[in-house]
Amino acid sequence: MDKIDAGSPEKSSGDSDKGGVKAVDRALMVMGALERAPGPQTLTDLSVATGLYKSAVLRLIESLKNAGYVARFSNGKYSLGPGVFRLGAAYERLNPIREYIGVVLNNLVSEGSESASFHAPEGTDSRICMMRVDSHHSTLDRIAEGDILPLDRGATGQLIAAFGTPKDERLEEVRIAQFAASVGIDDSGWADMAAAVFGPNGKFRGALSLSGPAVRFTDAMIDRWRPRIINAARNITLELGGQISSTRRPKA
């Protein structure tokens, strides 16, 4: 990866190619690298992760640190700061999607479903678990809120990929059905099913999913829970101001 010097005029001034502001884009790159990191990071770590020169990373970090979004430890390493927690708390308070979805997830689990989650797109090739309620079963799949997962794993990833940009034409049937099921994710013994959630103007917002051990995902179980999870996803869509469109079963 070529290094980018945020101090050079052609690299640091003006708008970015994507329509934003370059300096802000690069500050968010640093934040993203800290978010994904397994622990506190050095300047070298962040330079490698972002493709920015260490001098550029340091300048960006100073601004982020002054705003409370990055913290510096005594050993010289960096991590996310308390400002990020404040943003998260504000998101919880102001974003109605969590209120609506939380009730739905709890209701599904109380009815005896597998673990219920809501996943949203994260970039172009991954997804994030936004909310999760564990099932009452003794064996569970180990997915937690905040986990970043690939789109090539399971029905949930497949469904999100079906509505990605650009659209994958191989997933046309999934896109029409607005539902997917997968048993034996990557031969790991786990399975899931997912239904699409939309917002205003038909914008895809994410996937409502049920997941757990593949041994419990029999054909009868999928047939029983398919209409329930689709109906639950439709209810969330209506709460978010979206409209319900017809679906059909994908081809066998």
Protein backbone atom coordinates (compact mmCIF):
# COMPACT_ATOMS: atom_id res chain seq x y z
CA MET A 1 0.00 0.00 0.00
CA ASP A 2 1.38 3.41 -0.98
CA LYS A 3 1.86 5.77 1.94
CA ILE A 4 -0.16 8.99 1.96
CA ASP A 5 1.32 12.15 3.40
CA ALA A 6 -1.55 14.19 4.81
CA GLY A 7 0.76 17.18 4.93
CA SER A 8 1.27 17.48 1.17
CA PRO A 9 -1.06 20.05 -0.48
CA GLU A 10 -2.36 17.69 -3.13
CA LYS A 11 -3.17 15.10 -0.50
CA SER A 12 -4.57 17.19 2.33
CA SER A 13 -6.62 20.02 0.86
CA GLY A 14 -9.95 20.08 -0.88
CA ASP A 15 -12.59 17.45 -1.23
CA SER A 16 -11.96 13.75 -1.54
CA ASP A 17 -12.73 11.74 -4.65
CA LYS A 18 -15.77 10.31 -2.85
CA GLY A 19 -17.28 13.75 -2.23
CA GLY A 20 -16.14 14.22 1.36
CA VAL A 21 -13.25 16.08 2.96
CA LYS A 22 -9.90 14.29 2.75
CA ALA A 23 -8.69 15.22 6.21
CA VAL A 24 -11.94 13.96 7.74
CA ASP A 25 -11.78 10.78 5.67
CA ARG A 26 -8.27 10.08 6.96
CA ALA A 27 -9.18 10.83 10.55
CA LEU A 28 -11.99 8.31 10.21
CA MET A 29 -9.51 5.82 8.76
CA VAL A 30 -7.50 6.13 11.96
CA MET A 31 -10.64 5.71 14.07
CA GLY A 32 -11.60 2.66 12.04
CA ALA A 33 -8.16 1.12 12.51
CA LEU A 34 -8.42 1.60 16.27
CA GLU A 35 -11.91 0.14 16.30
CA ARG A 36 -10.81 -3.02 14.50
CA ALA A 37 -7.57 -3.47 16.45
CA PRO A 38 -7.34 -6.21 19.11
CA GLY A 39 -5.73 -3.76 21.56
CA PRO A 40 -3.88 -0.43 21.86
CA GLN A 41 -1.85 0.43 18.76
CA THR A 42 1.49 2.12 18.08
CA LEU A 43 1.97 4.80 15.43
CA THR A 44 3.64 2.17 13.27
CA ASP A 45 0.63 -0.13 13.65
CA LEU A 46 -1.73 2.64 12.60
CA SER A 47 0.49 3.68 9.71
CA VAL A 48 0.44 0.14 8.35
CA ALA A 49 -3.32 -0.22 8.88
CA THR A 50 -4.23 3.07 7.19
CA GLY A 51 -1.50 3.49 4.58
CA LEU A 52 -0.68 6.94 6.00
CA TYR A 53 2.77 8.16 6.99
CA LYS A 54 3.42 8.11 10.73
CA SER A 55 3.77 11.89 10.72
CA ALA A 56 0.31 12.18 9.15
CA VAL A 57 -1.19 9.72 11.63
CA LEU A 58 0.32 11.68 14.52
CA ARG A 59 -1.22 14.96 13.33
CA LEU A 60 -4.63 13.34 12.92
CA ILE A 61 -4.38 11.66 16.31
CA GLU A 62 -3.60 14.96 18.03
CA SER A 63 -6.85 16.43 16.74
CA LEU A 64 -8.80 13.30 17.64
CA LYS A 65 -7.17 13.21 21.09
CA ASN A 66 -8.06 16.85 21.73
CA ALA A 67 -11.71 16.00 20.98
CA GLY A 68 -11.60 12.95 23.24
CA TYR A 69 -11.98 10.39 20.46
CA VAL A 70 -8.49 8.91 20.91
CA ALA A 71 -6.59 8.22 24.13
CA ARG A 72 -2.80 7.89 24.53
CA PHE A 73 -1.39 5.50 27.10
CA SER A 74 1.84 5.95 29.07
CA ASN A 75 3.57 3.36 26.87
CA GLY A 76 2.94 5.53 23.81
CA LYS A 77 0.17 3.39 22.34
CA TYR A 78 -3.24 4.64 21.29
CA SER A 79 -6.82 3.47 21.65
CA LEU A 80 -10.32 4.84 21.25
CA GLY A 81 -11.13 7.56 23.79
CA PRO A 82 -14.17 8.37 25.93
CA GLY A 83 -15.63 10.58 23.22
CA VAL A 84 -16.52 7.44 21.30
CA PHE A 85 -18.52 6.21 24.28
CA ARG A 86 -20.45 9.47 24.30
CA LEU A 87 -21.25 9.03 20.61
CA GLY A 88 -22.42 5.50 21.28
CA ALA A 89 -24.65 6.68 24.11
CA ALA A 90 -26.11 9.38 21.86
CA TYR A 91 -26.73 6.80 19.15
CA GLU A 92 -28.56 4.58 21.62
CA ARG A 93 -30.68 7.54 22.73
CA LEU A 94 -31.49 9.02 19.33
CA ASN A 95 -31.68 6.06 16.96
CA PRO A 96 -35.17 4.47 17.11
CA ILE A 97 -34.05 1.36 15.25
CA ARG A 98 -32.58 -0.15 18.42
CA GLU A 99 -35.82 0.38 20.35
CA TYR A 100 -37.91 -1.32 17.69
CA ILE A 101 -35.50 -4.15 16.98
CA GLY A 102 -34.77 -4.86 20.63
CA VAL A 103 -38.41 -5.66 21.29
CA VAL A 104 -38.60 -7.92 18.23
CA LEU A 105 -35.44 -9.86 19.15
CA ASN A 106 -36.64 -10.42 22.70
CA ASN A 107 -40.06 -11.54 21.48
CA LEU A 108 -38.57 -14.07 19.06
CA VAL A 109 -36.34 -15.58 21.75
CA SER A 110 -39.17 -15.65 24.28
CA GLU A 111 -41.18 -17.66 21.74
CA GLY A 112 -38.41 -20.27 21.66
CA SER A 113 -36.38 -19.19 18.65
CA GLU A 114 -32.66 -19.61 18.15
CA SER A 115 -30.45 -16.63 19.05
CA ALA A 116 -31.81 -13.51 17.37
CA SER A 117 -29.63 -10.76 15.89
CA PHE A 118 -29.74 -7.74 13.65
CA HIS A 119 -26.85 -7.25 11.23
CA ALA A 120 -26.15 -4.17 9.11
CA PRO A 121 -23.76 -3.67 6.18
CA GLU A 122 -20.23 -2.63 7.19
CA GLY A 123 -18.31 -1.45 4.16
CA THR A 124 -18.56 -3.43 0.94
CA ASP A 125 -17.51 -6.89 2.09
CA SER A 126 -18.51 -7.26 5.73
CA ARG A 127 -21.34 -6.83 8.21
CA ILE A 128 -21.67 -5.78 11.82
CA CYS A 129 -23.83 -7.36 14.50
CA MET A 130 -25.76 -4.35 15.79
CA MET A 131 -27.95 -6.18 18.31
CA ARG A 132 -28.07 -9.69 19.72
CA VAL A 133 -30.26 -11.66 22.14
CA ASP A 134 -29.05 -15.15 23.05
CA SER A 135 -31.52 -18.01 22.87
CA HIS A 136 -32.50 -20.07 25.91
CA HIS A 137 -30.82 -23.17 24.49
CA SER A 138 -27.79 -24.62 26.23
CA THR A 139 -25.59 -24.48 23.10
CA LEU A 140 -25.18 -21.20 21.23
CA ASP A 141 -23.21 -19.76 18.36
CA ARG A 142 -20.72 -17.20 19.62
CA ILE A 143 -21.68 -13.91 18.00
CA ALA A 144 -21.67 -10.70 20.02
CA GLU A 145 -22.81 -7.14 19.43
CA GLY A 146 -20.11 -5.25 17.60
CA ASP A 147 -18.63 -8.31 15.87
CA ILE A 148 -17.56 -7.72 12.28
CA LEU A 149 -18.26 -10.73 10.07
CA PRO A 150 -17.65 -11.47 6.36
CA LEU A 151 -20.44 -11.50 3.81
CA ASP A 152 -19.42 -14.92 2.53
CA ARG A 153 -20.46 -16.61 5.77
CA GLY A 154 -23.99 -17.91 6.17
CA ALA A 155 -27.43 -16.75 5.13
CA THR A 156 -27.13 -13.41 6.91
CA GLY A 157 -24.04 -12.47 4.94
CA GLN A 158 -25.62 -13.76 1.75
CA LEU A 159 -28.74 -11.65 2.26
CA ILE A 160 -26.73 -8.48 2.94
CA ALA A 161 -24.54 -9.17 -0.09
CA ALA A 162 -27.68 -9.56 -2.22
CA PHE A 163 -28.58 -5.94 -1.54
CA GLY A 164 -25.02 -4.62 -1.76
CA THR A 165 -23.58 -2.23 -4.32
CA PRO A 166 -22.98 -3.37 -6.96
CA LYS A 167 -25.64 -6.07 -6.80
CA ASP A 168 -24.46 -9.64 -7.15
CA GLU A 169 -26.61 -11.12 -9.92
CA ARG A 170 -25.94 -14.61 -8.56
CA LEU A 171 -28.06 -13.66 -5.55
CA GLU A 172 -31.11 -12.49 -7.52
CA GLU A 173 -33.33 -15.19 -6.01
CA VAL A 174 -32.29 -14.16 -2.50
CA ARG A 175 -33.00 -10.53 -3.35
CA ILE A 176 -36.49 -11.40 -4.64
CA ALA A 177 -37.32 -13.62 -1.65
CA GLN A 178 -35.83 -11.14 0.83
CA PHE A 179 -34.92 -14.24 2.82
CA ALA A 180 -32.08 -16.75 3.01
CA ALA A 181 -31.27 -19.88 5.01
CA SER A 182 -27.97 -21.68 5.41
CA VAL A 183 -27.28 -24.93 7.26
CA GLY A 184 -23.70 -25.84 8.15
CA ILE A 185 -22.02 -22.45 7.80
CA ASP A 186 -18.59 -23.11 6.25
CA ASP A 187 -18.96 -26.73 7.43
CA SER A 188 -18.60 -25.45 10.98
CA GLY A 189 -21.78 -27.04 12.31
CA TRP A 190 -23.67 -23.75 12.64
CA ALA A 191 -26.66 -22.45 10.71
CA ASP A 192 -28.76 -19.34 10.28
CA MET A 193 -31.74 -17.82 8.49
CA ALA A 194 -32.30 -14.14 7.77
CA ALA A 195 -34.96 -11.74 6.50
CA ALA A 196 -34.45 -8.29 5.00
CA VAL A 197 -35.33 -5.04 6.75
CA PHE A 198 -35.93 -1.83 4.79
CA GLY A 199 -36.32 1.86 5.58
CA PRO A 200 -37.93 4.77 3.72
CA ASN A 201 -37.67 4.75 -0.08
CA GLY A 202 -36.96 1.04 -0.05
CA LYS A 203 -33.44 1.48 1.33
CA PHE A 204 -32.02 -1.78 2.66
CA ARG A 205 -31.18 -1.38 6.35
CA GLY A 206 -30.01 -4.84 7.37
CA ALA A 207 -30.89 -8.44 8.15
CA LEU A 208 -32.90 -9.88 11.01
CA SER A 209 -31.45 -13.33 11.71
CA LEU A 210 -31.81 -16.47 13.79
CA SER A 211 -28.66 -18.55 14.30
CA GLY A 212 -27.50 -21.61 16.19
CA PRO A 213 -26.25 -25.21 15.84
CA ALA A 214 -27.01 -26.77 12.45
CA VAL A 215 -28.42 -29.89 14.10
CA ARG A 216 -31.44 -27.85 15.23
CA PHE A 217 -32.00 -26.28 11.79
CA THR A 218 -34.13 -29.06 10.32
CA ASP A 219 -36.36 -28.48 7.30
CA ALA A 220 -39.37 -28.47 9.63
CA MET A 221 -37.75 -25.89 11.90
CA ILE A 222 -36.91 -23.60 8.97
CA ASP A 223 -40.44 -23.91 7.55
CA ARG A 224 -41.89 -23.09 10.97
CA TRP A 225 -39.73 -20.03 11.65
CA ARG A 226 -39.45 -18.66 8.10
CA PRO A 227 -42.85 -16.88 8.15
CA ARG A 228 -42.23 -15.64 11.69
CA ILE A 229 -38.91 -14.01 10.95
CA ILE A 230 -40.18 -12.55 7.68
CA ASN A 231 -43.20 -11.10 9.48
CA ALA A 232 -40.95 -9.71 12.23
CA ALA A 233 -38.68 -8.09 9.62
CA ARG A 234 -41.73 -6.56 7.93
CA ASN A 235 -42.94 -5.12 11.23
CA ILE A 236 -39.55 -3.47 11.77
CA THR A 237 -39.67 -2.15 8.20
CA LEU A 238 -43.05 -0.53 8.87
CA GLU A 239 -41.80 0.98 12.14
CA LEU A 240 -38.87 2.50 10.26
CA GLY A 241 -41.15 4.11 7.71
CA GLY A 242 -40.55 1.55 4.98
CA GLN A 243 -43.09 -0.19 2.79
CA ILE A 244 -43.80 -3.90 2.44
CA SER A 245 -43.21 -5.52 -0.93
CA SER A 246 -44.25 -9.00 -1.95
CA THR A 247 -41.81 -11.88 -1.72
CA ARG A 248 -41.69 -15.38 -3.14
CA ARG A 249 -39.79 -18.47 -2.21
CA PRO A 250 -36.41 -18.91 -3.89
CA LYS A 251 -36.02 -21.80 -6.29
CA ALA A 252 -35.02 -25.09 -4.73
